[in-house]
Structures are given as C-alpha cells and as structure tokens.
Amino acid sequence: MVNDHEPRIPLLPTLMTAGNILCGFIAILQIFDGRHLDENLHYHYAIALILAACLFDALDGRVARMSGTESPFGRELDSLADIVSFGMAPALLVHDIVLKELDTPKGIGLLISCVYLVCGAMRLARFNCLAAADVKCSSKSFRGCPIPAAAGVISSLTLLLMWLDSNEREIGNWKYALAGLMVLLSYLMVSSLEYPSFKAVNWRTKRSFHWVLVSIFFIAFTVMNWHWMPSVIFVTYLLYGLARPWVSRKWRREIEIEQEVPDADIMDETAVLSGSEDEMDAARILDADRRGV
C-alpha cells in the first residue's frame, strides 16, 4: 500500500543532485589517498570533482524549475549534498594542503576548517528555513555567499597555487592567505549580503550574436587555461557580491542577465494574452519573487 505522504521524487533533478554528492564523496576519498603520496595528482582529482559538483549543483535547480518539479524533498536533498561537496571536501582539502602547517598558535588551522564547515551548514539551514516559512525574498539573489561559490573560490585558488608551485615559481607564505580567505568566506556565507543567483539564465535565454560569440570564446579560453581561469571566475563573482550594493540597477540587469519586467499587473495580463516565451518567462520570475522562491 502506497503512503499518501510519501514524497514523489523527480527523476532528472535528483540524478543531478546525486552526481553532486557522489563527486563530493569521491573528492574526499582522493584527498585521503593523496596524503600517502608525494605527488599532487590526487589533490588535482579532488579539485576537479569539487568543481564538477558545482556544475551538477547549478544544473539540478534549473532542470527542476524548467520541468516544474521543484519540491521540499529536492531542496533538502540538495542541502545534504552541498554540505558534503562544498563544506567537508573543501575544508579537508585546504586543511590537508595548507592549514595543518599552521602551528602558531597550535590548532588554529583545524579551528579555521571547523568554522568554515559550521558556517556553511548554518547558511544551508537558514536558506531551508526561509524557504519553508515562505519568507519573501528575491529569486534573483541569494542572502549570503552561496556555499558552492565559496567552495569554488577555495578549490580554484588551491589549484592555482599548486600550478604555480609545480612550475617552480616562488609562492612563499602566500599560500597561507587561504587561511584568511576561509575566515572571510565563513563570514560572507552567514552574512546578509546579496549575491546574484543567475536563475534567469536557462535554456531559453536569448542574446545577440556577438554576445554568444564572446561566450563561446570565453568557454574555450577557460578550458585551455584550466589551471588558473576558474580562480578568476570564482574570485570575480566573490568580489562582485561585495561591490554589488554600489552597482547601478542598469548595470546589474546587464551583468546578471535580468529581463526587463514592467509593472506587475500589466506584465501578468500581457504574458497571458500574448503567450510569448520571453514574456511568460518574465511572468514566472515575477511570480517566483512574490512567492519567495
């Protein structure tokens, strides 16, 4: 007999979230394997898996929204996956490579890792509480730095430092800047600063020919320079969130790829009557804002 209260599980978004949590788990295994070897190959695998988890995390929400299968089950599962892939894995990675060498005062490296992990968990819990309470917040932004972005910053900068070190370039004590960065990210995750969500970007997003051409070039350039370009992308996102309150609304719309949304009632009526894809998308975004999704 089927329980009426048993949640219906959407297949595709759940598969994306499963990919997220599996990447995080395998990344942790790679970090433990790397402890017993002199080479950094396992750490490279771990970083690649954390960045792959970021991709899965970006896709599961978009697939759920496009298919209309958003649910409390998906939100809770996503948070459980995030704490593994973007909380435990990056904290363990940086502790293993950098923080365990901090011995003045003793135990400071372990403390920094623990603070990062706890703040990440608190950020996810706050997000779920606000969503469950149907608190009105904009779907165009996140309150506090998203934990996948924080993990991306840490992992990509670790990859950059490892690349510089392998090329026999002098890093010196710069690697210890990761310790201070983890403290900053811990604060930003539980802060009230708003970071763009880019939820308006989906498979139906349309841009000019030149914009698409630049995007293709940018992706190709990132793949060719995979040692350092991810750090540029994630650090730029981090800094943009800090500078966002002083960015004009016009530039925000352009950078965050927002659609121009006129008056609410007019937009609802126009979208229903015309039925065009762009207007229907704008109406859905506006409705999500009203419901605090």
C-alpha atoms as a PDB file:
ATOM      1  CA  MET A   1       0.000   0.000   0.000  1.00  0.00           C
ATOM      2  CA  VAL A   2       1.389   3.394  -1.059  1.00  0.00           C
ATOM      3  CA  ASN A   3       1.652   6.042   1.655  1.00  0.00           C
ATOM      4  CA  ASP A   4      -0.049   9.271   0.569  1.00  0.00           C
ATOM      5  CA  HIS A   5       2.552  11.274   2.484  1.00  0.00           C
ATOM      6  CA  GLU A   6       5.480   9.639   0.673  1.00  0.00           C
ATOM      7  CA  PRO A   7       7.188  12.345  -1.446  1.00  0.00           C
ATOM      8  CA  ARG A   8       7.185  11.944  -5.201  1.00  0.00           C
ATOM      9  CA  ILE A   9      10.800  12.123  -6.323  1.00  0.00           C
ATOM     10  CA  PRO A  10      11.552  13.985  -9.592  1.00  0.00           C
ATOM     11  CA  LEU A  11      13.983  11.829 -11.563  1.00  0.00           C
ATOM     12  CA  LEU A  12      16.256  14.193 -13.526  1.00  0.00           C
ATOM     13  CA  PRO A  13      16.867  16.822 -10.807  1.00  0.00           C
ATOM     14  CA  THR A  14      17.510  14.035  -8.288  1.00  0.00           C
ATOM     15  CA  LEU A  15      20.059  12.434 -10.608  1.00  0.00           C
ATOM     16  CA  MET A  16      21.858  15.792 -10.866  1.00  0.00           C
ATOM     17  CA  THR A  17      21.902  16.136  -7.070  1.00  0.00           C
ATOM     18  CA  ALA A  18      23.152  12.543  -6.757  1.00  0.00           C
ATOM     19  CA  GLY A  19      26.004  13.455  -9.103  1.00  0.00           C
ATOM     20  CA  ASN A  20      26.779  16.379  -6.809  1.00  0.00           C
ATOM     21  CA  ILE A  21      27.027  14.297  -3.637  1.00  0.00           C
ATOM     22  CA  LEU A  22      28.976  11.497  -5.346  1.00  0.00           C
ATOM     23  CA  CYS A  23      31.538  13.996  -6.644  1.00  0.00           C
ATOM     24  CA  GLY A  24      31.954  15.330  -3.110  1.00  0.00           C
ATOM     25  CA  PHE A  25      32.368  11.876  -1.601  1.00  0.00           C
ATOM     26  CA  ILE A  26      34.926  10.739  -4.186  1.00  0.00           C
ATOM     27  CA  ALA A  27      36.779  14.047  -3.752  1.00  0.00           C
ATOM     28  CA  ILE A  28      37.133  13.287  -0.023  1.00  0.00           C
ATOM     29  CA  LEU A  29      38.482   9.813  -0.842  1.00  0.00           C
ATOM     30  CA  GLN A  30      41.011  11.363  -3.240  1.00  0.00           C
ATOM     31  CA  ILE A  31      42.191  13.774  -0.534  1.00  0.00           C
ATOM     32  CA  PHE A  32      42.802  10.880   1.872  1.00  0.00           C
ATOM     33  CA  ASP A  33      44.656   8.946  -0.856  1.00  0.00           C
ATOM     34  CA  GLY A  34      46.824  11.978  -1.598  1.00  0.00           C
ATOM     35  CA  ARG A  35      48.094  12.066   1.982  1.00  0.00           C
ATOM     36  CA  HIS A  36      50.230   8.977   1.415  1.00  0.00           C
ATOM     37  CA  LEU A  37      51.877  10.140  -1.820  1.00  0.00           C
ATOM     38  CA  ASP A  38      54.467  12.785  -2.623  1.00  0.00           C
ATOM     39  CA  GLU A  39      52.760  13.852  -5.851  1.00  0.00           C
ATOM     40  CA  ASN A  40      49.708  16.124  -6.041  1.00  0.00           C
ATOM     41  CA  LEU A  41      47.753  14.128  -8.613  1.00  0.00           C
ATOM     42  CA  HIS A  42      45.058  13.029  -6.140  1.00  0.00           C
ATOM     43  CA  TYR A  43      44.583  16.609  -4.990  1.00  0.00           C
ATOM     44  CA  HIS A  44      44.052  17.645  -8.621  1.00  0.00           C
ATOM     45  CA  TYR A  45      41.398  14.925  -8.919  1.00  0.00           C
ATOM     46  CA  ALA A  46      39.717  16.188  -5.741  1.00  0.00           C
ATOM     47  CA  ILE A  47      39.617  19.774  -7.006  1.00  0.00           C
ATOM     48  CA  ALA A  48      38.230  18.657 -10.375  1.00  0.00           C
ATOM     49  CA  LEU A  49      35.487  16.699  -8.594  1.00  0.00           C
ATOM     50  CA  ILE A  50      34.548  19.672  -6.382  1.00  0.00           C
ATOM     51  CA  LEU A  51      34.265  21.882  -9.472  1.00  0.00           C
ATOM     52  CA  ALA A  52      32.209  19.163 -11.198  1.00  0.00           C
ATOM     53  CA  ALA A  53      29.908  19.152  -8.166  1.00  0.00           C
ATOM     54  CA  CYS A  54      29.439  22.913  -8.699  1.00  0.00           C
ATOM     55  CA  LEU A  55      28.250  22.150 -12.225  1.00  0.00           C
ATOM     56  CA  PHE A  56      25.799  19.480 -11.033  1.00  0.00           C
ATOM     57  CA  ASP A  57      24.516  21.882  -8.368  1.00  0.00           C
ATOM     58  CA  ALA A  58      23.888  24.566 -10.990  1.00  0.00           C
ATOM     59  CA  LEU A  59      22.032  22.134 -13.233  1.00  0.00           C
ATOM     60  CA  ASP A  60      19.714  20.404 -10.744  1.00  0.00           C
ATOM     61  CA  GLY A  61      17.845  23.585  -9.809  1.00  0.00           C
ATOM     62  CA  ARG A  62      17.481  24.716 -13.408  1.00  0.00           C
ATOM     63  CA  VAL A  63      16.199  21.312 -14.509  1.00  0.00           C
ATOM     64  CA  ALA A  64      13.700  21.323 -11.621  1.00  0.00           C
ATOM     65  CA  ARG A  65      12.439  24.833 -12.442  1.00  0.00           C
ATOM     66  CA  MET A  66      12.140  24.149 -16.165  1.00  0.00           C
ATOM     67  CA  SER A  67      10.256  20.889 -15.589  1.00  0.00           C
ATOM     68  CA  GLY A  68       8.097  22.329 -12.811  1.00  0.00           C
ATOM     69  CA  THR A  69       9.318  19.683 -10.346  1.00  0.00           C
ATOM     70  CA  GLU A  70      10.651  21.905  -7.531  1.00  0.00           C
ATOM     71  CA  SER A  71       9.838  20.329  -4.170  1.00  0.00           C
ATOM     72  CA  PRO A  72      10.802  20.375  -0.461  1.00  0.00           C
ATOM     73  CA  PHE A  73      12.380  16.946  -0.999  1.00  0.00           C
ATOM     74  CA  GLY A  74      14.709  18.324  -3.671  1.00  0.00           C
ATOM     75  CA  ARG A  75      15.624  21.315  -1.518  1.00  0.00           C
ATOM     76  CA  GLU A  76      16.544  19.123   1.470  1.00  0.00           C
ATOM     77  CA  LEU A  77      18.489  16.621  -0.644  1.00  0.00           C
ATOM     78  CA  ASP A  78      20.380  19.454  -2.328  1.00  0.00           C
ATOM     79  CA  SER A  79      21.445  20.847   1.054  1.00  0.00           C
ATOM     80  CA  LEU A  80      22.668  17.438   2.206  1.00  0.00           C
ATOM     81  CA  ALA A  81      24.715  17.102  -0.971  1.00  0.00           C
ATOM     82  CA  ASP A  82      26.097  20.638  -0.617  1.00  0.00           C
ATOM     83  CA  ILE A  83      27.407  20.105   2.918  1.00  0.00           C
ATOM     84  CA  VAL A  84      29.444  17.140   1.656  1.00  0.00           C
ATOM     85  CA  SER A  85      30.705  18.559  -1.652  1.00  0.00           C
ATOM     86  CA  PHE A  86      31.113  22.224  -0.696  1.00  0.00           C
ATOM     87  CA  GLY A  87      31.545  22.009   3.067  1.00  0.00           C
ATOM     88  CA  MET A  88      33.508  18.917   4.075  1.00  0.00           C
ATOM     89  CA  ALA A  89      35.524  18.386   0.879  1.00  0.00           C
ATOM     90  CA  PRO A  90      36.969  21.948   0.543  1.00  0.00           C
ATOM     91  CA  ALA A  91      37.608  22.240   4.299  1.00  0.00           C
ATOM     92  CA  LEU A  92      39.502  18.945   4.285  1.00  0.00           C
ATOM     93  CA  LEU A  93      41.367  19.880   1.083  1.00  0.00           C
ATOM     94  CA  VAL A  94      42.722  23.198   2.373  1.00  0.00           C
ATOM     95  CA  HIS A  95      43.433  21.764   5.820  1.00  0.00           C
ATOM     96  CA  ASP A  96      45.445  18.925   4.313  1.00  0.00           C
ATOM     97  CA  ILE A  97      47.488  21.114   1.974  1.00  0.00           C
ATOM     98  CA  VAL A  98      47.892  24.362   3.934  1.00  0.00           C
ATOM     99  CA  LEU A  99      46.165  24.682   7.295  1.00  0.00           C
ATOM    100  CA  LYS A 100      47.765  21.731   9.065  1.00  0.00           C
ATOM    101  CA  GLU A 101      51.107  23.542   8.697  1.00  0.00           C
ATOM    102  CA  LEU A 102      49.825  26.434  10.802  1.00  0.00           C
ATOM    103  CA  ASP A 103      51.247  25.639  14.232  1.00  0.00           C
ATOM    104  CA  THR A 104      51.275  29.110  15.839  1.00  0.00           C
ATOM    105  CA  PRO A 105      49.110  29.023  17.824  1.00  0.00           C
ATOM    106  CA  LYS A 106      48.622  25.276  17.848  1.00  0.00           C
ATOM    107  CA  GLY A 107      45.362  24.060  16.360  1.00  0.00           C
ATOM    108  CA  ILE A 108      44.494  27.317  14.543  1.00  0.00           C
ATOM    109  CA  GLY A 109      44.343  25.530  11.173  1.00  0.00           C
ATOM    110  CA  LEU A 110      41.854  22.964  12.473  1.00  0.00           C
ATOM    111  CA  LEU A 111      39.772  25.740  14.021  1.00  0.00           C
ATOM    112  CA  ILE A 112      39.567  27.630  10.708  1.00  0.00           C
ATOM    113  CA  SER A 113      38.428  24.478   8.897  1.00  0.00           C
ATOM    114  CA  CYS A 114      35.770  23.818  11.529  1.00  0.00           C
ATOM    115  CA  VAL A 115      34.473  27.400  11.404  1.00  0.00           C
ATOM    116  CA  TYR A 116      34.143  27.211   7.613  1.00  0.00           C
ATOM    117  CA  LEU A 117      32.242  23.916   7.798  1.00  0.00           C
ATOM    118  CA  VAL A 118      29.866  25.094  10.545  1.00  0.00           C
ATOM    119  CA  CYS A 119      29.141  28.417   8.791  1.00  0.00           C
ATOM    120  CA  GLY A 120      28.420  26.553   5.569  1.00  0.00           C
ATOM    121  CA  ALA A 121      25.959  24.269   7.366  1.00  0.00           C
ATOM    122  CA  MET A 122      24.298  27.268   9.051  1.00  0.00           C
ATOM    123  CA  ARG A 123      23.934  29.026   5.710  1.00  0.00           C
ATOM    124  CA  LEU A 124      22.190  25.999   4.189  1.00  0.00           C
ATOM    125  CA  ALA A 125      19.933  25.628   7.222  1.00  0.00           C
ATOM    126  CA  ARG A 126      18.956  29.314   7.072  1.00  0.00           C
ATOM    127  CA  PHE A 127      18.122  29.000   3.376  1.00  0.00           C
ATOM    128  CA  ASN A 128      15.866  25.994   4.009  1.00  0.00           C
ATOM    129  CA  CYS A 129      14.140  27.683   6.966  1.00  0.00           C
ATOM    130  CA  LEU A 130      13.371  30.806   4.925  1.00  0.00           C
ATOM    131  CA  ALA A 131      12.075  28.698   2.041  1.00  0.00           C
ATOM    132  CA  ALA A 132       9.931  26.508   4.328  1.00  0.00           C
ATOM    133  CA  ALA A 133       8.479  29.577   6.055  1.00  0.00           C
ATOM    134  CA  ASP A 134       7.723  31.090   2.629  1.00  0.00           C
ATOM    135  CA  VAL A 135       9.645  34.221   3.568  1.00  0.00           C
ATOM    136  CA  LYS A 136       9.515  36.702   0.728  1.00  0.00           C
ATOM    137  CA  CYS A 137      12.927  37.085  -0.893  1.00  0.00           C
ATOM    138  CA  SER A 138      14.052  37.795  -4.412  1.00  0.00           C
ATOM    139  CA  SER A 139      14.681  34.788  -6.655  1.00  0.00           C
ATOM    140  CA  LYS A 140      17.322  36.889  -8.391  1.00  0.00           C
ATOM    141  CA  SER A 141      19.706  36.835  -5.437  1.00  0.00           C
ATOM    142  CA  PHE A 142      20.958  34.749  -2.535  1.00  0.00           C
ATOM    143  CA  ARG A 143      21.241  36.019   1.025  1.00  0.00           C
ATOM    144  CA  GLY A 144      24.871  35.408   1.892  1.00  0.00           C
ATOM    145  CA  CYS A 145      27.551  33.953  -0.347  1.00  0.00           C
ATOM    146  CA  PRO A 146      26.338  30.597  -1.744  1.00  0.00           C
ATOM    147  CA  ILE A 147      28.355  27.685  -0.393  1.00  0.00           C
ATOM    148  CA  PRO A 148      29.089  26.316  -3.924  1.00  0.00           C
ATOM    149  CA  ALA A 149      30.685  29.670  -4.792  1.00  0.00           C
ATOM    150  CA  ALA A 150      32.718  29.612  -1.555  1.00  0.00           C
ATOM    151  CA  ALA A 151      33.925  26.090  -2.360  1.00  0.00           C
ATOM    152  CA  GLY A 152      34.715  27.154  -5.922  1.00  0.00           C
ATOM    153  CA  VAL A 153      36.856  30.061  -4.678  1.00  0.00           C
ATOM    154  CA  ILE A 154      38.817  27.837  -2.285  1.00  0.00           C
ATOM    155  CA  SER A 155      39.286  24.942  -4.717  1.00  0.00           C
ATOM    156  CA  SER A 156      40.204  27.065  -7.744  1.00  0.00           C
ATOM    157  CA  LEU A 157      42.750  29.134  -5.783  1.00  0.00           C
ATOM    158  CA  THR A 158      44.259  25.935  -4.376  1.00  0.00           C
ATOM    159  CA  LEU A 159      44.565  24.650  -7.947  1.00  0.00           C
ATOM    160  CA  LEU A 160      46.260  27.918  -8.966  1.00  0.00           C
ATOM    161  CA  LEU A 161      48.782  27.714  -6.125  1.00  0.00           C
ATOM    162  CA  MET A 162      49.566  24.080  -6.924  1.00  0.00           C
ATOM    163  CA  TRP A 163      50.115  25.016 -10.575  1.00  0.00           C
ATOM    164  CA  LEU A 164      52.466  27.860  -9.630  1.00  0.00           C
ATOM    165  CA  ASP A 165      54.338  25.555  -7.274  1.00  0.00           C
ATOM    166  CA  SER A 166      54.729  22.859  -9.945  1.00  0.00           C
ATOM    167  CA  ASN A 167      56.243  25.471 -12.276  1.00  0.00           C
ATOM    168  CA  GLU A 168      58.825  26.222  -9.579  1.00  0.00           C
ATOM    169  CA  ARG A 169      57.540  29.733  -9.047  1.00  0.00           C
ATOM    170  CA  GLU A 170      58.134  31.220  -5.638  1.00  0.00           C
ATOM    171  CA  ILE A 171      54.910  31.240  -3.604  1.00  0.00           C
ATOM    172  CA  GLY A 172      56.383  31.705  -0.176  1.00  0.00           C
ATOM    173  CA  ASN A 173      53.838  32.480   2.519  1.00  0.00           C
ATOM    174  CA  TRP A 174      51.158  33.473   0.012  1.00  0.00           C
ATOM    175  CA  LYS A 175      49.580  30.053   0.395  1.00  0.00           C
ATOM    176  CA  TYR A 176      48.668  30.971   3.963  1.00  0.00           C
ATOM    177  CA  ALA A 177      46.370  33.635   2.530  1.00  0.00           C
ATOM    178  CA  LEU A 178      43.938  30.742   2.001  1.00  0.00           C
ATOM    179  CA  ALA A 179      43.526  30.618   5.783  1.00  0.00           C
ATOM    180  CA  GLY A 180      42.404  34.245   5.905  1.00  0.00           C
ATOM    181  CA  LEU A 181      40.217  33.703   2.849  1.00  0.00           C
ATOM    182  CA  MET A 182      38.420  30.800   4.529  1.00  0.00           C
ATOM    183  CA  VAL A 183      37.655  33.025   7.508  1.00  0.00           C
ATOM    184  CA  LEU A 184      36.284  35.715   5.166  1.00  0.00           C
ATOM    185  CA  LEU A 185      34.155  33.189   3.271  1.00  0.00           C
ATOM    186  CA  SER A 186      32.813  31.816   6.547  1.00  0.00           C
ATOM    187  CA  TYR A 187      31.538  35.282   7.433  1.00  0.00           C
ATOM    188  CA  LEU A 188      30.173  36.005   3.955  1.00  0.00           C
ATOM    189  CA  MET A 189      28.147  32.784   3.921  1.00  0.00           C
ATOM    190  CA  VAL A 190      26.195  33.766   7.044  1.00  0.00           C
ATOM    191  CA  SER A 191      26.068  37.496   6.235  1.00  0.00           C
ATOM    192  CA  SER A 192      23.106  39.394   4.757  1.00  0.00           C
ATOM    193  CA  LEU A 193      24.971  40.467   1.625  1.00  0.00           C
ATOM    194  CA  GLU A 194      23.089  39.573  -1.543  1.00  0.00           C
ATOM    195  CA  TYR A 195      24.763  37.624  -4.335  1.00  0.00           C
ATOM    196  CA  PRO A 196      23.163  37.176  -7.770  1.00  0.00           C
ATOM    197  CA  SER A 197      21.600  33.773  -8.393  1.00  0.00           C
ATOM    198  CA  PHE A 198      21.551  33.946 -12.225  1.00  0.00           C
ATOM    199  CA  LYS A 199      18.331  31.914 -12.093  1.00  0.00           C
ATOM    200  CA  ALA A 200      17.055  33.863 -15.087  1.00  0.00           C
ATOM    201  CA  VAL A 201      19.708  32.120 -17.210  1.00  0.00           C
ATOM    202  CA  ASN A 202      18.219  28.962 -18.697  1.00  0.00           C
ATOM    203  CA  TRP A 203      17.913  27.101 -21.982  1.00  0.00           C
ATOM    204  CA  ARG A 204      15.522  29.752 -23.328  1.00  0.00           C
ATOM    205  CA  THR A 205      17.776  32.733 -22.596  1.00  0.00           C
ATOM    206  CA  LYS A 206      18.391  34.732 -25.770  1.00  0.00           C
ATOM    207  CA  ARG A 207      21.243  37.129 -26.525  1.00  0.00           C
ATOM    208  CA  SER A 208      22.765  38.846 -29.550  1.00  0.00           C
ATOM    209  CA  PHE A 209      25.133  37.107 -31.963  1.00  0.00           C
ATOM    210  CA  HIS A 210      28.155  38.973 -30.592  1.00  0.00           C
ATOM    211  CA  TRP A 211      27.256  38.036 -27.020  1.00  0.00           C
ATOM    212  CA  VAL A 212      27.038  34.344 -27.957  1.00  0.00           C
ATOM    213  CA  LEU A 213      30.337  34.537 -29.867  1.00  0.00           C
ATOM    214  CA  VAL A 214      32.112  36.090 -26.875  1.00  0.00           C
ATOM    215  CA  SER A 215      30.629  33.392 -24.614  1.00  0.00           C
ATOM    216  CA  ILE A 216      31.964  30.602 -26.852  1.00  0.00           C
ATOM    217  CA  PHE A 217      35.397  32.220 -26.908  1.00  0.00           C
ATOM    218  CA  PHE A 218      35.325  32.646 -23.136  1.00  0.00           C
ATOM    219  CA  ILE A 219      34.429  28.989 -22.518  1.00  0.00           C
ATOM    220  CA  ALA A 220      37.144  27.792 -24.912  1.00  0.00           C
ATOM    221  CA  PHE A 221      39.717  30.093 -23.289  1.00  0.00           C
ATOM    222  CA  THR A 222      38.737  28.796 -19.828  1.00  0.00           C
ATOM    223  CA  VAL A 223      39.169  25.166 -20.919  1.00  0.00           C
ATOM    224  CA  MET A 224      42.563  25.922 -22.461  1.00  0.00           C
ATOM    225  CA  ASN A 225      43.725  27.690 -19.287  1.00  0.00           C
ATOM    226  CA  TRP A 226      42.069  25.421 -16.741  1.00  0.00           C
ATOM    227  CA  HIS A 227      44.877  25.872 -14.217  1.00  0.00           C
ATOM    228  CA  TRP A 228      44.059  29.499 -13.445  1.00  0.00           C
ATOM    229  CA  MET A 229      40.852  30.636 -15.203  1.00  0.00           C
ATOM    230  CA  PRO A 230      38.449  29.006 -12.689  1.00  0.00           C
ATOM    231  CA  SER A 231      40.032  31.105  -9.930  1.00  0.00           C
ATOM    232  CA  VAL A 232      39.459  34.256 -11.991  1.00  0.00           C
ATOM    233  CA  ILE A 233      35.785  33.371 -12.471  1.00  0.00           C
ATOM    234  CA  PHE A 234      35.033  32.489  -8.846  1.00  0.00           C
ATOM    235  CA  VAL A 235      37.021  35.367  -7.335  1.00  0.00           C
ATOM    236  CA  THR A 236      35.282  37.791  -9.716  1.00  0.00           C
ATOM    237  CA  TYR A 237      31.900  36.510  -8.502  1.00  0.00           C
ATOM    238  CA  LEU A 238      33.023  36.882  -4.889  1.00  0.00           C
ATOM    239  CA  LEU A 239      34.202  40.470  -5.413  1.00  0.00           C
ATOM    240  CA  TYR A 240      31.102  41.376  -7.417  1.00  0.00           C
ATOM    241  CA  GLY A 241      28.902  40.394  -4.488  1.00  0.00           C
ATOM    242  CA  LEU A 242      30.888  42.728  -2.250  1.00  0.00           C
ATOM    243  CA  ALA A 243      30.643  45.610  -4.740  1.00  0.00           C
ATOM    244  CA  ARG A 244      27.044  44.897  -5.804  1.00  0.00           C
ATOM    245  CA  PRO A 245      25.352  47.411  -3.448  1.00  0.00           C
ATOM    246  CA  TRP A 246      27.182  50.225  -5.268  1.00  0.00           C
ATOM    247  CA  VAL A 247      26.480  48.962  -8.807  1.00  0.00           C
ATOM    248  CA  SER A 248      23.691  50.794 -10.643  1.00  0.00           C
ATOM    249  CA  ARG A 249      20.451  48.951 -11.361  1.00  0.00           C
ATOM    250  CA  LYS A 250      21.061  49.244 -15.107  1.00  0.00           C
ATOM    251  CA  TRP A 251      24.466  47.579 -14.872  1.00  0.00           C
ATOM    252  CA  ARG A 252      23.069  44.911 -12.554  1.00  0.00           C
ATOM    253  CA  ARG A 253      20.446  43.928 -15.117  1.00  0.00           C
ATOM    254  CA  GLU A 254      23.110  43.705 -17.809  1.00  0.00           C
ATOM    255  CA  ILE A 255      25.624  41.741 -15.718  1.00  0.00           C
ATOM    256  CA  GLU A 256      23.093  39.405 -14.114  1.00  0.00           C
ATOM    257  CA  ILE A 257      21.224  38.876 -17.403  1.00  0.00           C
ATOM    258  CA  GLU A 258      17.921  40.019 -15.975  1.00  0.00           C
ATOM    259  CA  GLN A 259      14.857  40.645 -18.096  1.00  0.00           C
ATOM    260  CA  GLU A 260      13.133  43.977 -18.071  1.00  0.00           C
ATOM    261  CA  VAL A 261       9.963  43.455 -16.033  1.00  0.00           C
ATOM    262  CA  PRO A 262       7.321  46.218 -16.232  1.00  0.00           C
ATOM    263  CA  ASP A 263       4.541  46.794 -13.732  1.00  0.00           C
ATOM    264  CA  ALA A 264       3.412  43.541 -12.122  1.00  0.00           C
ATOM    265  CA  ASP A 265      -0.278  43.553 -13.092  1.00  0.00           C
ATOM    266  CA  ILE A 266       0.431  44.690 -16.645  1.00  0.00           C
ATOM    267  CA  MET A 267       3.076  42.015 -17.082  1.00  0.00           C
ATOM    268  CA  ASP A 268       0.784  39.245 -15.837  1.00  0.00           C
ATOM    269  CA  GLU A 269      -2.008  40.262 -18.231  1.00  0.00           C
ATOM    270  CA  THR A 270       0.348  40.742 -21.184  1.00  0.00           C
ATOM    271  CA  ALA A 271       2.042  37.391 -20.659  1.00  0.00           C
ATOM    272  CA  VAL A 272      -1.254  35.544 -20.524  1.00  0.00           C
ATOM    273  CA  LEU A 273      -2.688  37.280 -23.588  1.00  0.00           C
ATOM    274  CA  SER A 274       0.377  37.153 -25.834  1.00  0.00           C
ATOM    275  CA  GLY A 275       1.819  33.828 -24.699  1.00  0.00           C
ATOM    276  CA  SER A 276       5.327  34.658 -25.978  1.00  0.00           C
ATOM    277  CA  GLU A 277       8.163  32.699 -24.392  1.00  0.00           C
ATOM    278  CA  ASP A 278      10.099  35.734 -23.143  1.00  0.00           C
ATOM    279  CA  GLU A 279       7.035  37.286 -21.532  1.00  0.00           C
ATOM    280  CA  MET A 280       5.959  34.009 -19.994  1.00  0.00           C
ATOM    281  CA  ASP A 281       9.475  33.562 -18.538  1.00  0.00           C
ATOM    282  CA  ALA A 282       9.376  37.086 -17.108  1.00  0.00           C
ATOM    283  CA  ALA A 283       5.944  36.407 -15.592  1.00  0.00           C
ATOM    284  CA  ARG A 284       7.213  33.203 -13.982  1.00  0.00           C
ATOM    285  CA  ILE A 285      10.208  35.033 -12.492  1.00  0.00           C
ATOM    286  CA  LEU A 286       7.913  37.743 -11.151  1.00  0.00           C
ATOM    287  CA  ASP A 287       5.566  35.149  -9.667  1.00  0.00           C
ATOM    288  CA  ALA A 288       8.527  33.395  -8.016  1.00  0.00           C
ATOM    289  CA  ASP A 289       9.559  36.718  -6.455  1.00  0.00           C
ATOM    290  CA  ARG A 290       6.060  37.136  -4.994  1.00  0.00           C
ATOM    291  CA  ARG A 291       6.054  33.657  -3.511  1.00  0.00           C
ATOM    292  CA  GLY A 292       9.636  33.975  -2.193  1.00  0.00           C
ATOM    293  CA  VAL A 293      11.002  31.016  -4.204  1.00  0.00           C
END
